[in-house]
C-alpha atoms as a PDB file:
ATOM      1  CA  MET A   1     146.472  48.925  32.936  1.00  0.00           C
ATOM      2  CA  SER A   2     147.543  51.826  31.000  1.00  0.00           C
ATOM      3  CA  LEU A   3     150.167  54.651  31.896  1.00  0.00           C
ATOM      4  CA  TRP A   4     147.603  57.455  32.861  1.00  0.00           C
ATOM      5  CA  ILE A   5     145.895  55.183  35.159  1.00  0.00           C
ATOM      6  CA  MET A   6     148.876  54.106  37.115  1.00  0.00           C
ATOM      7  CA  LEU A   7     149.982  57.437  36.984  1.00  0.00           C
ATOM      8  CA  ALA A   8     147.201  59.047  38.381  1.00  0.00           C
ATOM      9  CA  ILE A   9     146.850  55.821  41.229  1.00  0.00           C
ATOM     10  CA  THR A  10     150.609  56.867  42.234  1.00  0.00           C
ATOM     11  CA  SER A  11     149.543  60.208  42.605  1.00  0.00           C
ATOM     12  CA  VAL A  12     146.896  59.471  44.818  1.00  0.00           C
ATOM     13  CA  ALA A  13     149.030  56.913  47.112  1.00  0.00           C
ATOM     14  CA  SER A  14     151.778  59.894  47.328  1.00  0.00           C
ATOM     15  CA  TYR A  15     149.588  62.117  48.210  1.00  0.00           C
ATOM     16  CA  GLY A  16     147.631  60.151  50.652  1.00  0.00           C
ATOM     17  CA  LEU A  17     150.883  59.180  52.239  1.00  0.00           C
ATOM     18  CA  LYS A  18     151.888  62.672  52.740  1.00  0.00           C
ATOM     19  CA  LEU A  19     148.643  63.777  54.131  1.00  0.00           C
ATOM     20  CA  ALA A  20     148.913  60.611  56.505  1.00  0.00           C
ATOM     21  CA  GLY A  21     152.581  61.969  57.901  1.00  0.00           C
ATOM     22  CA  VAL A  22     151.365  65.265  58.726  1.00  0.00           C
ATOM     23  CA  SER A  23     148.136  64.256  60.202  1.00  0.00           C
ATOM     24  CA  LEU A  24     150.006  61.592  62.537  1.00  0.00           C
ATOM     25  CA  PRO A  25     150.076  62.733  65.994  1.00  0.00           C
ATOM     26  CA  ARG A  26     153.521  63.528  67.690  1.00  0.00           C
ATOM     27  CA  THR A  27     153.887  60.771  69.933  1.00  0.00           C
ATOM     28  CA  VAL A  28     153.806  58.349  66.517  1.00  0.00           C
ATOM     29  CA  LEU A  29     156.257  60.838  64.665  1.00  0.00           C
ATOM     30  CA  ASN A  30     158.695  60.488  67.419  1.00  0.00           C
ATOM     31  CA  HIS A  31     158.430  56.577  68.233  1.00  0.00           C
ATOM     32  CA  PRO A  32     162.060  55.099  67.368  1.00  0.00           C
ATOM     33  CA  ARG A  33     160.856  52.566  65.148  1.00  0.00           C
ATOM     34  CA  VAL A  34     159.494  55.701  62.828  1.00  0.00           C
ATOM     35  CA  GLN A  35     162.382  57.692  63.261  1.00  0.00           C
ATOM     36  CA  ARG A  36     164.575  54.690  62.063  1.00  0.00           C
ATOM     37  CA  THR A  37     162.429  53.806  59.105  1.00  0.00           C
ATOM     38  CA  ALA A  38     162.531  57.592  58.135  1.00  0.00           C
ATOM     39  CA  GLY A  39     166.318  57.400  58.285  1.00  0.00           C
ATOM     40  CA  LEU A  40     166.491  54.544  55.826  1.00  0.00           C
ATOM     41  CA  LEU A  41     164.162  56.231  53.261  1.00  0.00           C
ATOM     42  CA  PRO A  42     166.676  58.205  51.424  1.00  0.00           C
ATOM     43  CA  PRO A  43     169.198  55.349  51.058  1.00  0.00           C
ATOM     44  CA  ALA A  44     166.582  53.199  49.676  1.00  0.00           C
ATOM     45  CA  MET A  45     164.987  55.811  47.137  1.00  0.00           C
ATOM     46  CA  LEU A  46     168.452  56.277  45.751  1.00  0.00           C
ATOM     47  CA  THR A  47     169.243  52.770  45.458  1.00  0.00           C
ATOM     48  CA  ALA A  48     165.817  52.401  43.939  1.00  0.00           C
ATOM     49  CA  LEU A  49     166.649  55.218  41.359  1.00  0.00           C
ATOM     50  CA  ILE A  50     170.189  53.755  40.631  1.00  0.00           C
ATOM     51  CA  VAL A  51     168.833  49.932  40.044  1.00  0.00           C
ATOM     52  CA  THR A  52     165.701  51.092  37.516  1.00  0.00           C
ATOM     53  CA  ASP A  53     168.787  53.311  35.804  1.00  0.00           C
ATOM     54  CA  LEU A  54     171.241  50.582  35.136  1.00  0.00           C
ATOM     55  CA  PHE A  55     168.870  48.646  33.480  1.00  0.00           C
ATOM     56  CA  ASP A  56     167.751  49.236  29.499  1.00  0.00           C
ATOM     57  CA  THR A  57     164.227  48.247  28.398  1.00  0.00           C
ATOM     58  CA  GLY A  58     165.518  44.811  27.400  1.00  0.00           C
ATOM     59  CA  GLY A  59     166.618  43.772  30.383  1.00  0.00           C
ATOM     60  CA  HIS A  60     170.513  44.123  30.012  1.00  0.00           C
ATOM     61  CA  TYR A  61     172.628  45.745  32.432  1.00  0.00           C
ATOM     62  CA  SER A  62     174.325  48.621  31.190  1.00  0.00           C
ATOM     63  CA  VAL A  63     176.198  51.444  33.167  1.00  0.00           C
ATOM     64  CA  SER A  64     178.306  54.441  32.167  1.00  0.00           C
ATOM     65  CA  TRP A  65     180.875  56.004  33.766  1.00  0.00           C
ATOM     66  CA  PRO A  66     179.210  59.234  34.536  1.00  0.00           C
ATOM     67  CA  LEU A  67     176.425  57.485  36.034  1.00  0.00           C
ATOM     68  CA  LEU A  68     178.630  55.927  38.023  1.00  0.00           C
ATOM     69  CA  ALA A  69     180.232  59.021  39.097  1.00  0.00           C
ATOM     70  CA  GLY A  70     176.990  60.554  39.589  1.00  0.00           C
ATOM     71  CA  VAL A  71     176.476  57.737  42.054  1.00  0.00           C
ATOM     72  CA  GLY A  72     179.494  58.004  43.985  1.00  0.00           C
ATOM     73  CA  ALA A  73     178.933  61.976  44.087  1.00  0.00           C
ATOM     74  CA  GLY A  74     175.412  61.275  45.561  1.00  0.00           C
ATOM     75  CA  ALA A  75     176.722  58.653  48.124  1.00  0.00           C
ATOM     76  CA  VAL A  76     179.257  61.173  49.104  1.00  0.00           C
ATOM     77  CA  ALA A  77     176.748  63.678  49.805  1.00  0.00           C
ATOM     78  CA  MET A  78     174.477  61.264  51.916  1.00  0.00           C
ATOM     79  CA  ARG A  79     177.690  60.246  54.339  1.00  0.00           C
ATOM     80  CA  LEU A  80     178.133  64.175  54.687  1.00  0.00           C
ATOM     81  CA  ARG A  81     174.620  64.119  55.939  1.00  0.00           C
ATOM     82  CA  ALA A  82     173.051  66.422  53.154  1.00  0.00           C
ATOM     83  CA  SER A  83     169.615  66.454  52.414  1.00  0.00           C
ATOM     84  CA  LEU A  84     167.788  64.021  50.202  1.00  0.00           C
ATOM     85  CA  VAL A  85     167.001  67.274  47.683  1.00  0.00           C
ATOM     86  CA  THR A  86     170.966  67.561  47.694  1.00  0.00           C
ATOM     87  CA  VAL A  87     171.771  64.041  47.659  1.00  0.00           C
ATOM     88  CA  PHE A  88     169.798  64.201  44.158  1.00  0.00           C
ATOM     89  CA  VAL A  89     170.672  67.445  43.242  1.00  0.00           C
ATOM     90  CA  VAL A  90     174.386  66.500  43.417  1.00  0.00           C
ATOM     91  CA  ALA A  91     174.035  63.359  41.886  1.00  0.00           C
ATOM     92  CA  ILE A  92     172.475  64.433  39.050  1.00  0.00           C
ATOM     93  CA  VAL A  93     174.456  67.505  38.085  1.00  0.00           C
ATOM     94  CA  THR A  94     177.588  65.483  38.520  1.00  0.00           C
ATOM     95  CA  CYS A  95     176.040  62.943  36.001  1.00  0.00           C
ATOM     96  CA  ALA A  96     174.783  65.571  33.397  1.00  0.00           C
ATOM     97  CA  LEU A  97     177.786  67.427  33.391  1.00  0.00           C
ATOM     98  CA  LEU A  98     179.982  64.315  33.076  1.00  0.00           C
ATOM     99  CA  GLN A  99     177.454  63.152  30.097  1.00  0.00           C
ATOM    100  CA  LEU A 100     178.364  66.633  28.382  1.00  0.00           C
ATOM    101  CA  ALA A 101     181.836  66.345  28.657  1.00  0.00           C
ATOM    102  CA  ALA A 102     182.124  63.321  27.301  1.00  0.00           C
END
């Protein structure tokens, strides 16, 4: 499957999930299981980004100290209950600034 086909499928699926989220009735969105799952999504997304970034194209484990510092800064922001966007921005900016300084 080509990259463009996978990108199109992923885009349509993401839009569909977003549409489903705003189309669901309040009773479903306020269900305790849905609330618990929504609370677990930011750490799961951050973990997925970290894991995919830790391995290079050859499947070898590679990590740098700016990356670890960015992950740590993101974890602290997450612990302080920052929004998902804020967590990502803190992690990315920390990592980028440390890579520029190195």
